[in-house]
Protein backbone atom coordinates (compact mmCIF):
# COMPACT_ATOMS: atom_id res chain seq x y z
CA UNK A 1 23.16 7.46 11.76
CA UNK A 2 20.47 4.93 10.90
CA UNK A 3 19.09 5.31 7.38
CA UNK A 4 15.40 5.97 6.92
CA UNK A 5 14.85 7.12 3.26
CA UNK A 6 16.79 7.66 0.01
CA UNK A 7 14.81 9.94 -2.16
CA UNK A 8 16.19 11.67 -5.36
CA UNK A 9 19.71 11.29 -4.33
CA UNK A 10 19.10 12.70 -0.80
CA UNK A 11 19.70 10.59 2.19
CA UNK A 12 17.59 10.93 5.21
CA UNK A 13 18.37 9.44 8.61
CA UNK A 14 16.02 8.62 11.53
CA UNK A 15 17.82 11.39 13.36
CA UNK A 16 16.70 13.77 10.50
CA UNK A 17 13.17 12.43 10.82
CA UNK A 18 13.20 12.89 14.60
CA UNK A 19 14.42 16.36 14.34
CA UNK A 20 12.04 17.48 11.81
CA UNK A 21 9.12 15.90 13.50
CA UNK A 22 9.96 17.88 16.65
CA UNK A 23 10.55 21.29 15.10
CA UNK A 24 8.63 21.72 11.80
CA UNK A 25 5.19 22.79 10.66
CA UNK A 26 2.99 20.48 8.63
CA UNK A 27 0.05 20.73 6.29
CA UNK A 28 -2.85 18.46 5.16
CA UNK A 29 -4.39 17.10 3.07
CA UNK A 30 -1.53 15.33 1.29
CA UNK A 31 -1.33 14.94 -2.34
CA UNK A 32 0.74 15.55 -5.53
CA UNK A 33 4.14 15.98 -3.78
CA UNK A 34 7.43 15.45 -5.54
CA UNK A 35 9.29 15.06 -2.18
CA UNK A 36 8.63 11.74 -0.58
CA UNK A 37 10.42 12.69 2.64
CA UNK A 38 8.17 15.84 2.99
CA UNK A 39 5.17 13.74 2.32
CA UNK A 40 5.86 11.28 5.04
CA UNK A 41 6.71 14.14 7.51
CA UNK A 42 3.11 15.53 6.87
CA UNK A 43 1.71 12.10 7.13
CA UNK A 44 3.37 11.34 10.51
CA UNK A 45 2.71 14.79 11.83
CA UNK A 46 -0.95 14.20 11.21
CA UNK A 47 -1.03 10.93 12.82
CA UNK A 48 0.94 12.10 15.91
CA UNK A 49 -1.79 14.90 16.46
CA UNK A 50 -4.71 12.52 15.75
CA UNK A 51 -5.81 14.57 12.86
CA UNK A 52 -8.17 13.42 10.14
CA UNK A 53 -5.92 12.98 6.97
CA UNK A 54 -6.87 12.89 3.30
CA UNK A 55 -4.53 11.27 0.88
CA UNK A 56 -5.38 12.04 -2.66
CA UNK A 57 -4.35 9.85 -5.43
CA UNK A 58 -1.92 11.64 -7.66
CA UNK A 59 -3.76 10.30 -10.72
CA UNK A 60 -6.87 12.29 -9.81
CA UNK A 61 -7.05 15.49 -11.92
CA UNK A 62 -7.64 19.04 -10.62
CA UNK A 63 -11.41 19.03 -11.62
CA UNK A 64 -11.93 15.79 -9.75
CA UNK A 65 -10.22 17.14 -6.58
CA UNK A 66 -12.28 20.38 -6.73
CA UNK A 67 -15.47 18.27 -7.08
CA UNK A 68 -14.48 16.49 -3.83
CA UNK A 69 -14.65 19.73 -2.00
CA UNK A 70 -11.68 19.10 0.24
CA UNK A 71 -10.27 22.27 2.01
CA UNK A 72 -6.58 22.32 2.83
CA UNK A 73 -6.18 22.28 6.51
CA UNK A 74 -3.11 23.91 8.32
CA UNK A 75 -2.70 21.44 11.19
CA UNK A 76 0.17 23.39 12.78
CA UNK A 77 -2.35 25.49 14.49
CA UNK A 78 -4.02 22.44 16.04
CA UNK A 79 -1.05 20.10 16.55
CA UNK A 80 -0.65 18.77 20.01
CA UNK A 81 2.39 16.52 20.36
CA UNK A 82 5.35 16.25 22.79
CA UNK A 83 8.95 16.62 21.77
CA UNK A 84 10.27 13.08 21.26
CA UNK A 85 13.74 11.89 22.60
CA UNK A 86 13.89 8.78 20.41
CA UNK A 87 12.32 7.61 17.22
CA UNK A 88 11.03 4.56 19.03
CA UNK A 89 8.72 6.95 21.00
CA UNK A 90 7.45 8.26 17.69
CA UNK A 91 6.66 4.81 16.52
CA UNK A 92 4.92 3.87 19.76
CA UNK A 93 2.76 7.04 19.43
CA UNK A 94 2.03 6.50 15.79
CA UNK A 95 0.74 2.92 16.65
CA UNK A 96 -1.79 4.42 19.01
CA UNK A 97 -2.95 7.24 16.82
CA UNK A 98 -6.63 7.88 16.59
CA UNK A 99 -6.43 9.44 13.11
CA UNK A 100 -8.87 8.59 10.46
CA UNK A 101 -7.09 8.25 7.04
CA UNK A 102 -9.31 8.89 3.97
CA UNK A 103 -7.89 7.39 0.68
CA UNK A 104 -9.34 8.60 -2.64
CA UNK A 105 -8.68 6.51 -5.59
CA UNK A 106 -9.63 6.90 -9.25
CA UNK A 107 -10.94 3.29 -9.75
CA UNK A 108 -12.19 1.63 -12.90
CA UNK A 109 -15.85 2.49 -12.01
CA UNK A 110 -15.42 6.21 -12.63
CA UNK A 111 -16.05 8.57 -9.68
CA UNK A 112 -13.12 8.62 -7.21
CA UNK A 113 -13.79 6.40 -4.22
CA UNK A 114 -13.36 7.56 -0.66
CA UNK A 115 -12.51 4.92 2.02
CA UNK A 116 -11.63 5.75 5.62
CA UNK A 117 -9.09 3.61 7.49
CA UNK A 118 -7.56 3.62 10.85
CA UNK A 119 -3.96 2.58 11.90
CA UNK A 120 -5.39 -0.80 12.86
CA UNK A 121 -6.71 -1.50 9.38
CA UNK A 122 -3.61 0.05 7.55
CA UNK A 123 -1.23 -2.08 9.58
CA UNK A 124 -3.10 -5.32 9.70
CA UNK A 125 -0.44 -7.15 7.56
CA UNK A 126 2.66 -5.47 9.02
CA UNK A 127 5.09 -7.86 10.71
CA UNK A 128 7.21 -6.46 13.49
CA UNK A 129 10.40 -8.09 14.64
CA UNK A 130 13.64 -6.68 15.86
CA UNK A 131 15.58 -8.47 12.97
CA UNK A 132 13.50 -6.60 10.48
CA UNK A 133 15.15 -3.37 11.30
CA UNK A 134 18.05 -4.21 9.13
CA UNK A 135 15.96 -4.58 6.08
CA UNK A 136 16.30 -2.11 3.11
CA UNK A 137 13.10 -1.87 1.07
CA UNK A 138 12.57 -0.56 -2.44
CA UNK A 139 9.67 1.87 -2.24
CA UNK A 140 8.01 1.19 -5.71
CA UNK A 141 4.46 2.24 -5.19
CA UNK A 142 2.42 5.50 -5.36
CA UNK A 143 2.65 6.85 -1.55
CA UNK A 144 -1.15 7.58 -1.57
CA UNK A 145 -2.07 4.03 -2.51
CA UNK A 146 -2.79 1.28 -0.01
CA UNK A 147 0.18 -0.67 -1.11
CA UNK A 148 2.53 2.25 -0.75
CA UNK A 149 1.18 2.90 2.76
CA UNK A 150 1.63 -0.73 3.75
CA UNK A 151 5.27 -0.73 2.61
CA UNK A 152 5.77 2.60 4.51
CA UNK A 153 4.35 1.07 7.72
CA UNK A 154 6.38 -2.16 7.43
CA UNK A 155 9.50 0.07 7.18
CA UNK A 156 8.64 2.68 9.87
CA UNK A 157 7.27 0.40 12.46
CA UNK A 158 10.37 -1.62 12.33
CA UNK A 159 12.62 1.43 11.97
CA UNK A 160 14.12 -0.23 8.86
CA UNK A 161 15.10 1.70 5.60
CA UNK A 162 13.53 2.33 2.21
CA UNK A 163 14.85 3.64 -1.27
CA UNK A 164 12.43 5.51 -3.43
CA UNK A 165 12.31 3.74 -6.84
CA UNK A 166 8.85 4.85 -7.77
CA UNK A 167 8.67 6.04 -11.40
CA UNK A 168 12.45 5.63 -11.68
CA UNK A 169 14.11 4.32 -14.89
CA UNK A 170 15.13 0.69 -15.30
CA UNK A 171 18.85 1.64 -14.86
CA UNK A 172 18.20 3.82 -11.83
CA UNK A 173 16.35 0.93 -10.09
CA UNK A 174 19.33 -1.28 -10.80
CA UNK A 175 21.85 1.38 -9.76
CA UNK A 176 19.95 1.99 -6.53
CA UNK A 177 19.58 -1.65 -5.71
CA UNK A 178 23.29 -2.28 -6.10
CA UNK A 179 24.35 1.03 -4.31
CA UNK A 180 22.20 0.61 -1.21
CA UNK A 181 21.94 -3.19 -1.14
CA UNK A 182 18.22 -3.37 -1.33
CA UNK A 183 16.96 -6.66 -0.06
CA UNK A 184 13.19 -6.37 -0.17
CA UNK A 185 11.07 -5.33 -3.22
CA UNK A 186 7.33 -5.07 -3.25
CA UNK A 187 5.79 -3.87 -6.64
CA UNK A 188 3.33 -4.55 -9.38
CA UNK A 189 4.12 -6.93 -12.20
CA UNK A 190 4.30 -3.88 -14.59
CA UNK A 191 7.22 -2.57 -12.49
CA UNK A 192 9.06 -6.08 -12.67
CA UNK A 193 8.45 -6.28 -16.29
CA UNK A 194 10.28 -3.00 -16.79
CA UNK A 195 13.28 -4.58 -15.43
CA UNK A 196 13.52 -7.12 -18.21
CA UNK A 197 15.40 -8.38 -20.21
CA UNK A 198 17.78 -10.06 -17.75
CA UNK A 199 21.29 -8.63 -18.05
CA UNK A 200 22.78 -8.84 -14.60
CA UNK A 201 22.08 -10.40 -11.20
CA UNK A 202 21.65 -8.55 -7.93
CA UNK A 203 22.23 -10.97 -5.09
CA UNK A 204 21.35 -8.53 -2.32
CA UNK A 205 17.54 -9.03 -2.92
CA UNK A 206 16.18 -11.77 -0.71
CA UNK A 207 12.40 -11.22 -0.99
CA UNK A 208 10.35 -10.19 -4.01
CA UNK A 209 6.59 -9.49 -3.64
CA UNK A 210 4.02 -9.16 -6.44
CA UNK A 211 0.85 -7.29 -5.98
CA UNK A 212 -1.91 -5.21 -7.62
CA UNK A 213 -2.05 -6.97 -10.97
CA UNK A 214 -2.23 -10.46 -12.54
CA UNK A 215 1.14 -12.20 -12.89
CA UNK A 216 2.44 -15.45 -14.08
CA UNK A 217 5.21 -18.14 -13.74
CA UNK A 218 7.12 -16.88 -16.79
CA UNK A 219 7.58 -13.43 -15.06
CA UNK A 220 8.53 -15.09 -11.76
CA UNK A 221 11.17 -17.22 -13.53
CA UNK A 222 12.63 -14.05 -15.25
CA UNK A 223 12.79 -12.09 -11.99
CA UNK A 224 14.50 -14.93 -10.18
CA UNK A 225 17.28 -14.70 -12.79
CA UNK A 226 17.71 -11.08 -11.83
CA UNK A 227 17.45 -11.75 -8.14
CA UNK A 228 18.74 -15.28 -7.76
CA UNK A 229 18.64 -15.31 -3.86
CA UNK A 230 15.05 -14.03 -3.70
CA UNK A 231 11.91 -15.87 -2.47
CA UNK A 232 8.82 -14.77 -4.20
CA UNK A 233 5.49 -13.79 -2.48
CA UNK A 234 2.31 -12.70 -4.06
CA UNK A 235 -0.18 -10.47 -2.36
CA UNK A 236 -3.75 -9.58 -2.69
CA UNK A 237 -4.81 -6.17 -1.28
CA UNK A 238 -7.39 -3.55 -2.04
CA UNK A 239 -7.99 0.11 -1.14
CA UNK A 240 -11.21 -1.05 0.73
CA UNK A 241 -9.66 -3.79 2.86
CA UNK A 242 -5.82 -3.60 2.76
CA UNK A 243 -3.76 -6.80 2.40
CA UNK A 244 -5.69 -9.98 2.84
CA UNK A 245 -4.25 -12.91 0.87
CA UNK A 246 -0.67 -14.05 0.34
CA UNK A 247 0.69 -16.78 -2.05
CA UNK A 248 3.89 -18.53 -2.91
CA UNK A 249 4.00 -17.51 -6.57
CA UNK A 250 0.74 -17.22 -8.23
CA UNK A 251 -1.76 -19.47 -6.33
CA UNK A 252 -3.63 -18.11 -3.33
CA UNK A 253 -5.58 -19.61 -0.48
CA UNK A 254 -7.90 -17.83 1.88
CA UNK A 255 -6.39 -17.68 5.41
CA UNK A 256 -8.16 -19.66 8.09
CA UNK A 257 -8.46 -16.48 10.22
CA UNK A 258 -10.76 -14.82 7.70
CA UNK A 259 -12.37 -17.83 5.96
CA UNK A 260 -15.87 -16.97 7.21
CA UNK A 261 -15.49 -13.41 5.97
CA UNK A 262 -14.81 -14.12 2.34
CA UNK A 263 -17.02 -15.52 -0.33
CA UNK A 264 -16.41 -16.47 -3.88
CA UNK A 265 -19.62 -16.22 -6.00
CA UNK A 266 -19.47 -16.69 -9.74
CA UNK A 267 -15.72 -16.54 -9.39
CA UNK A 268 -15.86 -12.98 -7.83
CA UNK A 269 -14.30 -12.19 -4.47
CA UNK A 270 -16.72 -10.81 -1.85
CA UNK A 271 -15.49 -9.46 1.39
CA UNK A 272 -17.46 -9.07 4.72
CA UNK A 273 -17.92 -5.49 5.94
CA UNK A 274 -15.81 -6.21 9.03
CA UNK A 275 -12.70 -6.46 6.75
CA UNK A 276 -13.36 -3.08 5.15
CA UNK A 277 -12.54 0.60 5.96
CA UNK A 278 -15.61 2.90 6.23
CA UNK A 279 -17.07 4.39 3.15
CA UNK A 280 -20.52 5.51 2.12
CA UNK A 281 -19.54 4.41 -1.52
CA UNK A 282 -19.30 0.68 -0.59
CA UNK A 283 -22.63 -0.95 -1.31
CA UNK A 284 -23.04 -4.08 0.58
CA UNK A 285 -25.22 -7.08 -0.16
CA UNK A 286 -26.07 -9.01 2.97
CA UNK A 287 -23.06 -7.44 4.61
CA UNK A 288 -20.64 -8.42 1.87
CA UNK A 289 -18.93 -6.15 -0.70
CA UNK A 290 -18.40 -7.21 -4.34
CA UNK A 291 -14.87 -6.34 -5.07
CA UNK A 292 -14.98 -6.90 -8.98
CA UNK A 293 -11.93 -9.08 -8.76
CA UNK A 294 -12.33 -12.40 -10.39
CA UNK A 295 -10.40 -15.58 -9.77
CA UNK A 296 -9.72 -18.88 -11.52
CA UNK A 297 -9.72 -22.05 -9.52
CA UNK A 298 -6.42 -24.12 -9.63
CA UNK A 299 -7.74 -26.68 -7.28
CA UNK A 300 -11.10 -25.89 -5.80
CA UNK A 301 -11.00 -28.71 -3.38
CA UNK A 302 -7.84 -27.45 -1.75
CA UNK A 303 -8.89 -23.94 -2.02
CA UNK A 304 -6.17 -22.88 -4.44
CA UNK A 305 -6.84 -20.15 -6.88
CA UNK A 306 -5.30 -17.33 -8.82
CA UNK A 307 -6.67 -13.84 -9.71
CA UNK A 308 -7.53 -13.77 -13.32
CA UNK A 309 -8.95 -10.15 -14.03
CA UNK A 310 -11.25 -7.50 -12.74
CA UNK A 311 -14.87 -7.16 -14.03
CA UNK A 312 -15.20 -4.73 -16.81
CA UNK A 313 -16.57 -1.28 -15.93
CA UNK A 314 -20.13 -1.66 -17.15
CA UNK A 315 -20.63 -5.09 -15.55
CA UNK A 316 -19.22 -3.94 -12.15
CA UNK A 317 -21.46 -0.72 -12.21
CA UNK A 318 -24.54 -2.90 -13.12
CA UNK A 319 -23.98 -5.16 -10.05
CA UNK A 320 -23.47 -2.04 -7.80
CA UNK A 321 -26.70 -0.61 -9.14
CA UNK A 322 -28.56 -3.86 -8.57
CA UNK A 323 -27.46 -3.92 -4.96
CA UNK A 324 -28.33 -0.30 -4.43
CA UNK A 325 -31.82 -0.97 -5.74
CA UNK A 326 -32.23 -3.94 -3.53
CA UNK A 327 -31.07 -2.08 -0.39
CA UNK A 328 -33.52 0.81 -1.01
């Protein structure tokens, strides 16, 4: 049986997933679950029935959730899906899902932000190839976050495997990497720093991706000592737009395909509305969104830069307020 997910010492195959998708009931919205397998069952069931789904960041407290006035929906009464014979049929149906997926995050600017995505925007960066079906990914992100969803889709759409290492101890991460021969890891620099100091090498890992925070060459060099066969990528993604920029180590360049849709003003990244999910909370200035992410030029002539920091909360609120007043 082909491996789908290892979660809390339990091993789930794609046969398990197929069986449970065909025969179980599911509930939405989805948040604060301790069982990653159940979470993704709910998620897939909603996508298969073209339901609107709400994924609430587990960092949001109960008072904030109540303020959002989101009512739990029992979608088993509305679900309309066929029985599937093969997991590949499930994958094909998910790719064509008409669901709108709302993601709430507790960002640095205070009130939780709601952004609506489609399968197209969530899977923009997914690479699909038959050879990827053999990959085994470490799942190191919160599953309600954009980064977690993108790792899930990279795995699921290629029917590859993942091992849950989110919020695991350093030793558990190492033990799971060795036991299941994990070969791909995508995580924050904070996650990688928790793996230090270097004590042992894990040659099964061939790709390491950094995302979500500022990182540096010193950390890359340390991680390469732990995973000596790995190549390092760096990724820029946001809740509003998904994955957009990639880099070898720390220096990014704006891809030609979206060059006209990205601006850098006063060292801040601005994104055109066509790159964003839908949200009433995204204030635009001449159709561009101020992300609050600040860069430092390495070589402006060649377009090479690295992410330096985020604008502090008060500065970012001030900019948003200014845009709101201008648009009124």
